[in-house]
N, C-alpha and C. Protein backbone atom coordinates (compact mmCIF):
# COMPACT_ATOMS: atom_id res chain seq x y z
N UNK A 1 71.21 82.95 152.81
CA UNK A 1 71.14 84.87 153.47
C UNK A 1 71.64 85.46 152.82
N UNK A 2 72.73 85.23 152.20
CA UNK A 2 73.76 86.19 151.46
C UNK A 2 73.46 86.62 150.00
N UNK A 3 72.55 85.77 149.64
CA UNK A 3 72.05 85.75 148.35
C UNK A 3 71.33 86.84 147.49
N UNK A 4 70.73 87.48 148.08
CA UNK A 4 70.06 88.98 148.13
C UNK A 4 71.15 90.20 147.97
N UNK A 5 72.51 90.11 149.08
CA UNK A 5 73.33 91.18 148.86
C UNK A 5 74.41 90.58 147.31
N UNK A 6 74.07 89.66 147.03
CA UNK A 6 75.34 89.05 145.43
C UNK A 6 74.34 89.59 144.95
N UNK A 7 72.78 89.24 144.62
CA UNK A 7 72.29 90.02 143.71
C UNK A 7 72.00 91.62 143.64
N UNK A 8 72.13 92.10 144.74
CA UNK A 8 71.59 93.30 144.11
C UNK A 8 73.47 94.04 143.96
N UNK A 9 74.79 93.49 144.08
CA UNK A 9 75.51 93.91 143.85
C UNK A 9 75.61 93.60 142.95
N UNK A 10 75.52 92.61 142.20
CA UNK A 10 75.49 92.25 140.28
C UNK A 10 74.76 93.11 139.84
N UNK A 11 73.46 93.19 140.22
CA UNK A 11 72.82 94.08 139.56
C UNK A 11 73.23 96.04 139.26
N UNK A 12 73.90 96.13 140.74
CA UNK A 12 74.11 97.57 140.72
C UNK A 12 75.75 97.61 140.01
N UNK A 13 76.23 96.41 139.94
CA UNK A 13 77.30 96.41 139.01
C UNK A 13 76.85 96.62 137.53
N UNK A 14 75.93 95.82 137.42
CA UNK A 14 75.95 95.84 135.55
C UNK A 14 75.00 96.95 135.15
N UNK A 15 74.19 97.23 135.89
CA UNK A 15 73.79 98.64 135.74
C UNK A 15 74.19 99.89 135.53
N UNK A 16 75.49 100.09 136.20
CA UNK A 16 76.94 101.17 135.98
C UNK A 16 77.39 100.77 134.57
N UNK A 17 77.55 99.58 134.86
CA UNK A 17 78.70 98.85 133.31
C UNK A 17 77.65 99.83 131.96
N UNK A 18 76.39 99.31 132.14
CA UNK A 18 75.03 99.93 131.31
C UNK A 18 75.64 101.58 130.96
N UNK A 19 75.20 102.34 132.10
CA UNK A 19 75.12 103.49 131.78
C UNK A 19 76.71 103.91 131.81
N UNK A 20 77.63 103.34 132.03
CA UNK A 20 79.16 103.65 131.23
C UNK A 20 79.11 103.42 130.30
N UNK A 21 78.41 102.55 129.58
CA UNK A 21 79.12 102.15 127.98
C UNK A 21 77.70 103.32 127.28
N UNK A 22 76.85 104.19 128.29
CA UNK A 22 76.01 104.56 127.26
C UNK A 22 76.31 106.07 127.25
N UNK A 23 76.85 106.45 128.60
CA UNK A 23 77.44 107.71 127.94
C UNK A 23 78.55 107.93 127.22
N UNK A 24 79.61 106.76 127.44
CA UNK A 24 80.86 106.78 126.26
C UNK A 24 80.47 107.15 125.25
N UNK A 25 79.23 105.96 124.83
CA UNK A 25 79.13 106.53 123.21
C UNK A 25 78.42 107.58 122.84
N UNK A 26 77.67 108.03 124.00
CA UNK A 26 77.22 109.72 123.55
C UNK A 26 78.33 110.46 123.72
N UNK A 27 79.67 110.66 124.85
CA UNK A 27 80.09 111.36 124.65
C UNK A 27 81.07 111.24 122.93
N UNK A 28 81.28 109.75 122.92
CA UNK A 28 82.02 110.16 121.33
C UNK A 28 81.69 110.33 120.57
N UNK A 29 80.12 110.21 120.38
CA UNK A 29 79.34 110.99 119.18
C UNK A 29 78.94 112.46 119.13
N UNK A 30 79.48 113.23 120.17
CA UNK A 30 79.44 114.62 120.11
C UNK A 30 79.91 115.49 119.06
N UNK A 31 81.65 115.24 119.11
CA UNK A 31 81.93 115.59 118.09
C UNK A 31 81.96 115.82 117.00
N UNK A 32 80.66 114.94 115.83
CA UNK A 32 80.40 114.58 114.86
C UNK A 32 78.97 116.12 114.82
N UNK A 33 78.76 116.33 116.14
CA UNK A 33 77.40 117.55 115.53
C UNK A 33 78.23 118.80 116.04
N UNK A 34 79.25 118.81 116.89
CA UNK A 34 79.30 120.07 117.12
C UNK A 34 80.67 120.57 116.11
N UNK A 35 80.96 119.85 115.31
CA UNK A 35 81.91 120.42 114.61
C UNK A 35 82.03 122.06 113.63
N UNK A 36 80.70 122.02 113.44
CA UNK A 36 80.29 123.28 112.76
C UNK A 36 80.58 124.30 113.77
N UNK A 37 80.10 124.18 115.12
CA UNK A 37 79.73 124.95 116.07
C UNK A 37 81.27 125.79 116.95
N UNK A 38 82.66 124.53 116.64
CA UNK A 38 83.77 124.86 117.29
C UNK A 38 84.98 124.32 116.31
N UNK A 39 85.87 125.55 116.47
CA UNK A 39 86.83 125.13 115.10
C UNK A 39 87.74 124.42 116.33
N UNK A 40 88.13 123.70 117.61
CA UNK A 40 88.97 123.48 117.86
C UNK A 40 88.85 121.96 117.70
N UNK A 41 87.64 121.39 117.37
CA UNK A 41 87.14 119.90 116.97
C UNK A 41 87.86 119.47 116.42
N UNK A 42 87.78 120.53 115.02
CA UNK A 42 88.30 120.11 113.87
C UNK A 42 90.02 119.66 114.13
N UNK A 43 90.86 120.58 115.05
CA UNK A 43 92.01 120.89 115.10
C UNK A 43 92.58 119.23 115.17
N UNK A 44 93.50 119.16 114.69
CA UNK A 44 94.30 117.88 115.25
C UNK A 44 94.97 118.08 116.70
N UNK A 45 94.84 117.11 117.36
CA UNK A 45 96.04 117.45 119.26
C UNK A 45 97.41 116.47 118.51
N UNK A 46 98.22 116.90 119.49
CA UNK A 46 99.45 116.85 119.21
C UNK A 46 100.17 115.25 119.02
N UNK A 47 99.21 114.85 119.51
CA UNK A 47 99.62 112.89 119.36
C UNK A 47 99.37 112.43 118.02
N UNK A 48 97.99 113.14 117.38
CA UNK A 48 97.62 113.06 116.26
C UNK A 48 99.11 113.40 115.27
N UNK A 49 99.36 114.60 115.32
CA UNK A 49 100.70 114.99 114.31
C UNK A 49 102.03 114.45 114.75
N UNK A 50 102.27 113.91 115.97
CA UNK A 50 103.57 113.33 116.23
C UNK A 50 103.27 111.96 115.78
N UNK A 51 101.84 111.03 115.66
CA UNK A 51 101.75 109.60 115.05
C UNK A 51 101.80 110.14 113.56
N UNK A 52 101.16 111.04 112.68
CA UNK A 52 101.47 111.56 111.45
C UNK A 52 103.09 111.39 110.77
N UNK A 53 103.53 112.23 111.74
CA UNK A 53 105.07 112.01 111.51
C UNK A 53 106.20 110.88 111.41
N UNK A 54 105.67 110.20 112.35
CA UNK A 54 106.28 108.80 112.93
C UNK A 54 105.79 107.73 111.75
N UNK A 55 104.55 108.12 110.96
CA UNK A 55 104.33 106.86 110.07
C UNK A 55 105.25 107.81 108.81
N UNK A 56 105.48 108.75 108.39
CA UNK A 56 106.46 109.67 107.52
C UNK A 56 107.55 108.72 107.37
N UNK A 57 108.19 108.62 108.34
CA UNK A 57 110.06 108.37 108.94
C UNK A 57 110.08 107.11 108.56
N UNK A 58 108.87 106.19 108.27
CA UNK A 58 108.92 104.81 108.15
C UNK A 58 108.83 104.21 106.56
């Protein structure tokens, strides 16, 4: 009697994971196409700059 609930839950979780993965891929690929339009995309973040400084010390 509880199998339909489990199947429905499994389907919902699987579909949610699929949508999350698709969304992550789309958002990760967006900077490749908007670099020309927004200068801030090409700028490095504070963490990237600090990481490069740490590599120079080694």
